[in-house]
N, C-alpha and C. Protein backbone atom coordinates (compact mmCIF):
# COMPACT_ATOMS: atom_id res chain seq x y z
N UNK A 1 0.85 -1.19 0.00
CA UNK A 1 0.00 0.00 0.00
C UNK A 1 0.89 1.24 0.00
N UNK A 2 0.59 2.15 -0.91
CA UNK A 2 1.40 3.37 -1.03
C UNK A 2 1.06 4.32 0.10
N UNK A 3 2.10 4.84 0.74
CA UNK A 3 1.91 5.85 1.77
C UNK A 3 2.74 7.08 1.43
N UNK A 4 2.16 8.24 1.68
CA UNK A 4 2.83 9.51 1.44
C UNK A 4 2.96 10.23 2.77
N UNK A 5 4.16 10.61 3.13
CA UNK A 5 4.39 11.22 4.44
C UNK A 5 5.17 12.51 4.28
N UNK A 6 4.57 13.60 4.79
CA UNK A 6 5.23 14.90 4.75
C UNK A 6 5.92 15.17 6.09
N UNK A 7 6.93 16.01 6.05
CA UNK A 7 7.61 16.45 7.27
C UNK A 7 8.25 17.81 7.03
N UNK A 8 8.55 18.50 8.12
CA UNK A 8 9.29 19.74 8.01
C UNK A 8 8.49 21.01 8.23
N UNK A 9 7.21 20.91 8.50
CA UNK A 9 6.42 22.11 8.73
C UNK A 9 6.80 22.78 10.04
N UNK A 10 6.29 24.00 10.23
CA UNK A 10 6.59 24.71 11.46
C UNK A 10 6.21 26.17 11.35
N UNK A 11 6.71 26.95 12.30
CA UNK A 11 6.43 28.39 12.34
C UNK A 11 7.70 29.13 11.96
N UNK A 12 7.57 30.11 11.09
CA UNK A 12 8.72 30.89 10.62
C UNK A 12 8.28 32.33 10.45
N UNK A 13 9.21 33.24 10.60
CA UNK A 13 8.89 34.65 10.44
C UNK A 13 8.87 35.04 8.97
N UNK A 14 8.20 36.14 8.70
CA UNK A 14 8.16 36.67 7.34
C UNK A 14 9.59 36.86 6.82
N UNK A 15 9.80 36.42 5.59
CA UNK A 15 11.12 36.52 4.98
C UNK A 15 12.02 35.34 5.27
N UNK A 16 11.58 34.47 6.13
CA UNK A 16 12.39 33.31 6.49
C UNK A 16 12.26 32.17 5.50
N UNK A 17 12.89 31.05 5.84
CA UNK A 17 12.90 29.88 4.97
C UNK A 17 12.47 28.64 5.74
N UNK A 18 11.95 27.69 4.99
CA UNK A 18 11.52 26.42 5.56
C UNK A 18 11.67 25.35 4.48
N UNK A 19 12.01 24.14 4.91
CA UNK A 19 12.16 23.04 3.96
C UNK A 19 11.19 21.93 4.33
N UNK A 20 10.37 21.54 3.37
CA UNK A 20 9.45 20.42 3.55
C UNK A 20 9.99 19.21 2.79
N UNK A 21 9.78 18.04 3.37
CA UNK A 21 10.16 16.79 2.72
C UNK A 21 8.94 15.90 2.56
N UNK A 22 8.99 15.06 1.54
CA UNK A 22 7.90 14.13 1.29
C UNK A 22 8.49 12.81 0.82
N UNK A 23 8.05 11.73 1.45
CA UNK A 23 8.53 10.41 1.08
C UNK A 23 7.36 9.52 0.73
N UNK A 24 7.52 8.77 -0.34
CA UNK A 24 6.52 7.78 -0.76
C UNK A 24 7.08 6.39 -0.49
N UNK A 25 6.33 5.59 0.23
CA UNK A 25 6.77 4.24 0.55
C UNK A 25 5.69 3.23 0.19
N UNK A 26 6.10 2.00 0.09
CA UNK A 26 5.15 0.92 -0.11
C UNK A 26 4.69 0.70 -1.53
N UNK A 27 5.21 1.48 -2.46
CA UNK A 27 4.76 1.33 -3.84
C UNK A 27 5.60 0.36 -4.64
N UNK A 28 5.23 0.19 -5.88
CA UNK A 28 5.94 -0.75 -6.76
C UNK A 28 7.01 -0.08 -7.59
N UNK A 29 7.07 1.24 -7.55
CA UNK A 29 8.03 1.98 -8.36
C UNK A 29 8.98 2.75 -7.45
N UNK A 30 10.14 3.07 -8.00
CA UNK A 30 11.07 3.92 -7.25
C UNK A 30 11.13 5.33 -7.84
N UNK A 31 10.16 5.68 -8.65
CA UNK A 31 10.16 7.03 -9.22
C UNK A 31 8.73 7.48 -9.51
N UNK A 32 8.09 8.05 -8.53
CA UNK A 32 6.76 8.61 -8.70
C UNK A 32 6.84 10.09 -9.08
N UNK A 33 5.90 10.55 -9.84
CA UNK A 33 5.72 12.00 -10.01
C UNK A 33 5.07 12.51 -8.72
N UNK A 34 5.53 13.67 -8.26
CA UNK A 34 5.06 14.15 -6.96
C UNK A 34 4.75 15.63 -7.03
N UNK A 35 3.82 16.04 -6.18
CA UNK A 35 3.41 17.43 -6.17
C UNK A 35 3.10 17.91 -4.77
N UNK A 36 3.15 19.22 -4.61
CA UNK A 36 2.78 19.85 -3.36
C UNK A 36 1.58 20.76 -3.60
N UNK A 37 0.64 20.69 -2.67
CA UNK A 37 -0.53 21.55 -2.68
C UNK A 37 -0.66 22.15 -1.28
N UNK A 38 -1.44 23.23 -1.17
CA UNK A 38 -1.62 23.83 0.14
C UNK A 38 -3.05 24.33 0.29
N UNK A 39 -3.47 24.43 1.55
CA UNK A 39 -4.82 24.90 1.84
C UNK A 39 -4.79 25.81 3.06
N UNK A 40 -5.19 27.05 2.86
CA UNK A 40 -5.32 28.00 3.96
C UNK A 40 -6.73 27.89 4.53
N UNK A 41 -6.94 28.30 5.77
CA UNK A 41 -8.27 28.23 6.37
C UNK A 41 -9.31 28.97 5.53
N UNK A 42 -10.41 28.32 5.27
CA UNK A 42 -11.50 28.95 4.54
C UNK A 42 -11.31 29.02 3.04
N UNK A 43 -10.26 28.38 2.54
CA UNK A 43 -10.01 28.42 1.09
C UNK A 43 -9.91 27.01 0.54
N UNK A 44 -9.95 26.91 -0.77
CA UNK A 44 -9.78 25.60 -1.41
C UNK A 44 -8.29 25.26 -1.51
N UNK A 45 -8.04 24.00 -1.61
CA UNK A 45 -6.66 23.56 -1.77
C UNK A 45 -6.15 24.00 -3.15
N UNK A 46 -4.90 24.46 -3.19
CA UNK A 46 -4.34 24.97 -4.43
C UNK A 46 -2.99 24.35 -4.72
N UNK A 47 -2.65 24.33 -5.98
CA UNK A 47 -1.38 23.79 -6.44
C UNK A 47 -0.23 24.69 -6.02
N UNK A 48 0.90 24.08 -5.65
CA UNK A 48 2.10 24.83 -5.28
C UNK A 48 3.25 24.51 -6.24
N UNK A 49 3.62 23.24 -6.30
CA UNK A 49 4.77 22.85 -7.13
C UNK A 49 4.68 21.36 -7.43
N UNK A 50 5.34 20.95 -8.52
CA UNK A 50 5.33 19.54 -8.90
C UNK A 50 6.62 19.19 -9.62
N UNK A 51 6.94 17.90 -9.59
CA UNK A 51 8.15 17.42 -10.27
C UNK A 51 7.81 16.11 -10.96
N UNK A 52 8.43 15.90 -12.12
CA UNK A 52 8.19 14.69 -12.89
C UNK A 52 8.93 13.50 -12.29
N UNK A 53 8.67 12.34 -12.83
CA UNK A 53 9.28 11.12 -12.30
C UNK A 53 10.80 11.16 -12.34
N UNK A 54 11.36 11.71 -13.42
CA UNK A 54 12.81 11.73 -13.54
C UNK A 54 13.44 12.99 -12.95
N UNK A 55 12.61 13.91 -12.47
CA UNK A 55 13.14 15.11 -11.84
C UNK A 55 13.51 16.23 -12.79
N UNK A 56 13.42 15.98 -14.07
CA UNK A 56 13.88 16.99 -15.04
C UNK A 56 12.83 18.06 -15.32
N UNK A 57 11.58 17.75 -15.10
CA UNK A 57 10.51 18.71 -15.35
C UNK A 57 9.87 19.13 -14.03
N UNK A 58 9.70 20.46 -13.89
CA UNK A 58 9.07 21.00 -12.70
C UNK A 58 8.01 22.01 -13.10
N UNK A 59 7.11 22.29 -12.17
CA UNK A 59 6.06 23.29 -12.40
C UNK A 59 5.80 24.01 -11.08
N UNK A 60 5.47 25.29 -11.19
CA UNK A 60 5.22 26.11 -10.00
C UNK A 60 4.00 26.99 -10.19
N UNK A 61 3.31 27.24 -9.10
CA UNK A 61 2.27 28.25 -9.11
C UNK A 61 2.93 29.61 -9.26
N UNK A 62 2.26 30.54 -9.90
CA UNK A 62 2.83 31.88 -10.10
C UNK A 62 3.16 32.55 -8.76
N UNK A 63 2.37 32.25 -7.75
CA UNK A 63 2.54 32.91 -6.46
C UNK A 63 3.82 32.48 -5.73
N UNK A 64 4.43 31.36 -6.13
CA UNK A 64 5.63 30.89 -5.44
C UNK A 64 6.85 30.86 -6.36
N UNK A 65 6.65 31.13 -7.63
CA UNK A 65 7.74 31.05 -8.59
C UNK A 65 8.85 32.02 -8.19
N UNK A 66 10.09 31.51 -8.19
CA UNK A 66 11.22 32.34 -7.80
C UNK A 66 11.53 32.29 -6.32
N UNK A 67 10.59 31.77 -5.53
CA UNK A 67 10.81 31.68 -4.08
C UNK A 67 10.88 30.23 -3.61
N UNK A 68 10.12 29.34 -4.25
CA UNK A 68 10.09 27.93 -3.87
C UNK A 68 10.83 27.11 -4.92
N UNK A 69 11.45 26.03 -4.46
CA UNK A 69 12.13 25.10 -5.36
C UNK A 69 11.79 23.68 -4.96
N UNK A 70 11.31 22.90 -5.94
CA UNK A 70 11.04 21.49 -5.69
C UNK A 70 12.13 20.67 -6.36
N UNK A 71 12.59 19.63 -5.67
CA UNK A 71 13.65 18.80 -6.24
C UNK A 71 13.57 17.40 -5.66
N UNK A 72 14.10 16.46 -6.42
CA UNK A 72 14.17 15.09 -5.96
C UNK A 72 15.51 14.91 -5.25
N UNK A 73 15.54 14.05 -4.26
CA UNK A 73 16.79 13.77 -3.57
C UNK A 73 17.36 12.45 -4.06
N UNK A 74 18.51 12.11 -3.56
CA UNK A 74 19.12 10.84 -3.95
C UNK A 74 18.33 9.65 -3.42
N UNK A 75 17.60 9.87 -2.34
CA UNK A 75 16.77 8.81 -1.79
C UNK A 75 15.59 8.57 -2.73
N UNK A 76 15.23 7.34 -2.93
CA UNK A 76 14.14 7.01 -3.83
C UNK A 76 12.82 7.57 -3.34
N UNK A 77 12.07 8.14 -4.26
CA UNK A 77 10.73 8.63 -3.97
C UNK A 77 10.68 9.62 -2.82
N UNK A 78 11.65 10.50 -2.78
CA UNK A 78 11.67 11.58 -1.81
C UNK A 78 11.89 12.89 -2.53
N UNK A 79 11.05 13.87 -2.22
CA UNK A 79 11.22 15.20 -2.80
C UNK A 79 11.28 16.21 -1.68
N UNK A 80 11.92 17.32 -1.99
CA UNK A 80 12.08 18.42 -1.04
C UNK A 80 11.48 19.67 -1.64
N UNK A 81 10.77 20.44 -0.84
CA UNK A 81 10.26 21.74 -1.24
C UNK A 81 10.97 22.79 -0.39
N UNK A 82 11.89 23.50 -1.03
CA UNK A 82 12.62 24.57 -0.34
C UNK A 82 11.84 25.86 -0.51
N UNK A 83 11.45 26.45 0.61
CA UNK A 83 10.62 27.65 0.57
C UNK A 83 11.41 28.82 1.17
N UNK A 84 11.65 29.83 0.35
CA UNK A 84 12.39 31.01 0.78
C UNK A 84 11.52 32.25 0.68
N UNK A 85 11.95 33.32 1.33
CA UNK A 85 11.24 34.60 1.30
C UNK A 85 9.76 34.40 1.60
N UNK A 86 9.48 33.69 2.66
CA UNK A 86 8.11 33.34 2.98
C UNK A 86 7.27 34.55 3.35
N UNK A 87 6.00 34.49 2.96
CA UNK A 87 5.05 35.56 3.20
C UNK A 87 3.89 35.04 4.05
N UNK A 88 3.15 35.92 4.71
CA UNK A 88 2.00 35.46 5.51
C UNK A 88 1.01 34.65 4.68
N UNK A 89 0.86 34.99 3.42
CA UNK A 89 -0.08 34.27 2.56
C UNK A 89 0.39 32.88 2.19
N UNK A 90 1.59 32.51 2.57
CA UNK A 90 2.07 31.14 2.38
C UNK A 90 1.59 30.21 3.50
N UNK A 91 0.98 30.77 4.50
CA UNK A 91 0.48 29.98 5.62
C UNK A 91 -0.60 29.01 5.18
N UNK A 92 -0.53 27.79 5.69
CA UNK A 92 -1.54 26.79 5.38
C UNK A 92 -1.04 25.39 5.66
N UNK A 93 -1.90 24.43 5.38
CA UNK A 93 -1.51 23.04 5.47
C UNK A 93 -0.98 22.61 4.11
N UNK A 94 0.21 22.08 4.09
CA UNK A 94 0.85 21.66 2.85
C UNK A 94 0.72 20.14 2.70
N UNK A 95 0.19 19.75 1.55
CA UNK A 95 -0.04 18.34 1.27
C UNK A 95 0.88 17.89 0.13
N UNK A 96 1.41 16.69 0.29
CA UNK A 96 2.19 16.07 -0.77
C UNK A 96 1.35 14.97 -1.41
N UNK A 97 1.52 14.80 -2.72
CA UNK A 97 0.76 13.79 -3.44
C UNK A 97 1.67 13.08 -4.43
N UNK A 98 1.30 11.86 -4.78
CA UNK A 98 2.12 11.10 -5.72
C UNK A 98 1.24 10.41 -6.76
N UNK A 99 1.85 10.15 -7.91
CA UNK A 99 1.18 9.40 -8.95
C UNK A 99 2.23 8.69 -9.79
N UNK A 100 1.79 7.70 -10.54
CA UNK A 100 2.71 6.90 -11.35
C UNK A 100 2.28 6.98 -12.82
N UNK A 101 2.61 8.06 -13.49
CA UNK A 101 2.17 8.24 -14.87
C UNK A 101 3.15 7.64 -15.87
N UNK A 102 2.74 7.57 -17.10
CA UNK A 102 3.61 7.08 -18.17
C UNK A 102 4.59 8.17 -18.61
N UNK A 103 4.09 9.39 -18.66
CA UNK A 103 4.89 10.50 -19.20
C UNK A 103 5.67 11.23 -18.10
N UNK A 104 6.75 11.89 -18.53
CA UNK A 104 7.59 12.67 -17.62
C UNK A 104 7.04 14.09 -17.52
N UNK A 105 5.94 14.21 -16.79
CA UNK A 105 5.24 15.49 -16.67
C UNK A 105 5.13 15.87 -15.20
N UNK A 106 5.23 17.16 -14.93
CA UNK A 106 4.98 17.69 -13.58
C UNK A 106 3.53 18.15 -13.57
N UNK A 107 2.68 17.39 -12.87
CA UNK A 107 1.24 17.61 -12.95
C UNK A 107 0.76 18.68 -11.98
N UNK A 108 -0.13 19.54 -12.46
CA UNK A 108 -0.65 20.65 -11.65
C UNK A 108 -2.01 20.36 -11.04
N UNK A 109 -2.73 19.43 -11.59
CA UNK A 109 -4.11 19.21 -11.15
C UNK A 109 -4.19 18.13 -10.08
N UNK A 110 -5.04 18.36 -9.09
CA UNK A 110 -5.23 17.38 -8.03
C UNK A 110 -5.71 16.05 -8.56
N UNK A 111 -6.54 16.09 -9.57
CA UNK A 111 -7.13 14.87 -10.10
C UNK A 111 -6.10 13.93 -10.70
N UNK A 112 -4.91 14.43 -10.98
CA UNK A 112 -3.86 13.59 -11.57
C UNK A 112 -3.18 12.72 -10.51
N UNK A 113 -3.39 13.03 -9.27
CA UNK A 113 -2.67 12.34 -8.19
C UNK A 113 -3.53 11.28 -7.52
N UNK A 114 -2.90 10.18 -7.17
CA UNK A 114 -3.62 9.03 -6.62
C UNK A 114 -3.48 8.91 -5.11
N UNK A 115 -2.34 9.30 -4.60
CA UNK A 115 -2.07 9.09 -3.18
C UNK A 115 -1.69 10.41 -2.52
N UNK A 116 -2.22 10.63 -1.34
CA UNK A 116 -2.03 11.90 -0.65
C UNK A 116 -1.55 11.67 0.78
N UNK A 117 -0.72 12.62 1.25
CA UNK A 117 -0.33 12.61 2.64
C UNK A 117 -1.36 13.33 3.50
N UNK A 118 -1.12 13.34 4.80
CA UNK A 118 -2.05 13.96 5.73
C UNK A 118 -1.81 15.46 5.89
N UNK A 119 -0.69 15.94 5.41
CA UNK A 119 -0.41 17.36 5.46
C UNK A 119 0.48 17.77 6.61
N UNK A 120 1.15 18.89 6.43
CA UNK A 120 1.99 19.47 7.48
C UNK A 120 1.74 20.97 7.52
N UNK A 121 1.62 21.50 8.74
CA UNK A 121 1.26 22.91 8.90
C UNK A 121 2.47 23.82 8.73
N UNK A 122 2.27 24.86 7.94
CA UNK A 122 3.27 25.91 7.79
C UNK A 122 2.62 27.23 8.20
N UNK A 123 3.24 27.92 9.13
CA UNK A 123 2.72 29.19 9.61
C UNK A 123 3.79 30.25 9.48
N UNK A 124 3.47 31.31 8.74
CA UNK A 124 4.40 32.42 8.55
C UNK A 124 3.87 33.59 9.36
N UNK A 125 4.62 33.99 10.36
CA UNK A 125 4.16 35.04 11.27
C UNK A 125 4.81 36.37 10.93
N UNK A 126 4.04 37.42 11.08
CA UNK A 126 4.54 38.78 10.76
C UNK A 126 4.91 39.52 12.03
């Protein structure tokens, strides 16, 4: 059974940095496409960043482009979301998701993902 586990959330001041990690275990592949989404209180969940199975293709929401970086690590099925220059509007629960597609695409839509983590809280205080 595939499990997705996020880690690294916390409280940070405006302008600070935070690193989130996501690991996929229990699957049949060692290279899942993975994405990060977030949800602030009272809002719908939104796309943040995604990476393809081979790590060569990435995608970002306009609101985080230039500040966030998603990358695969040497460990199988683990991705890192490096978040810099954090703003209060970055506050929310961050969810990691995985899927096993045929193509090397960084998927932006929630419907493309099959497995989801429980989320990790990120709070940016001013």
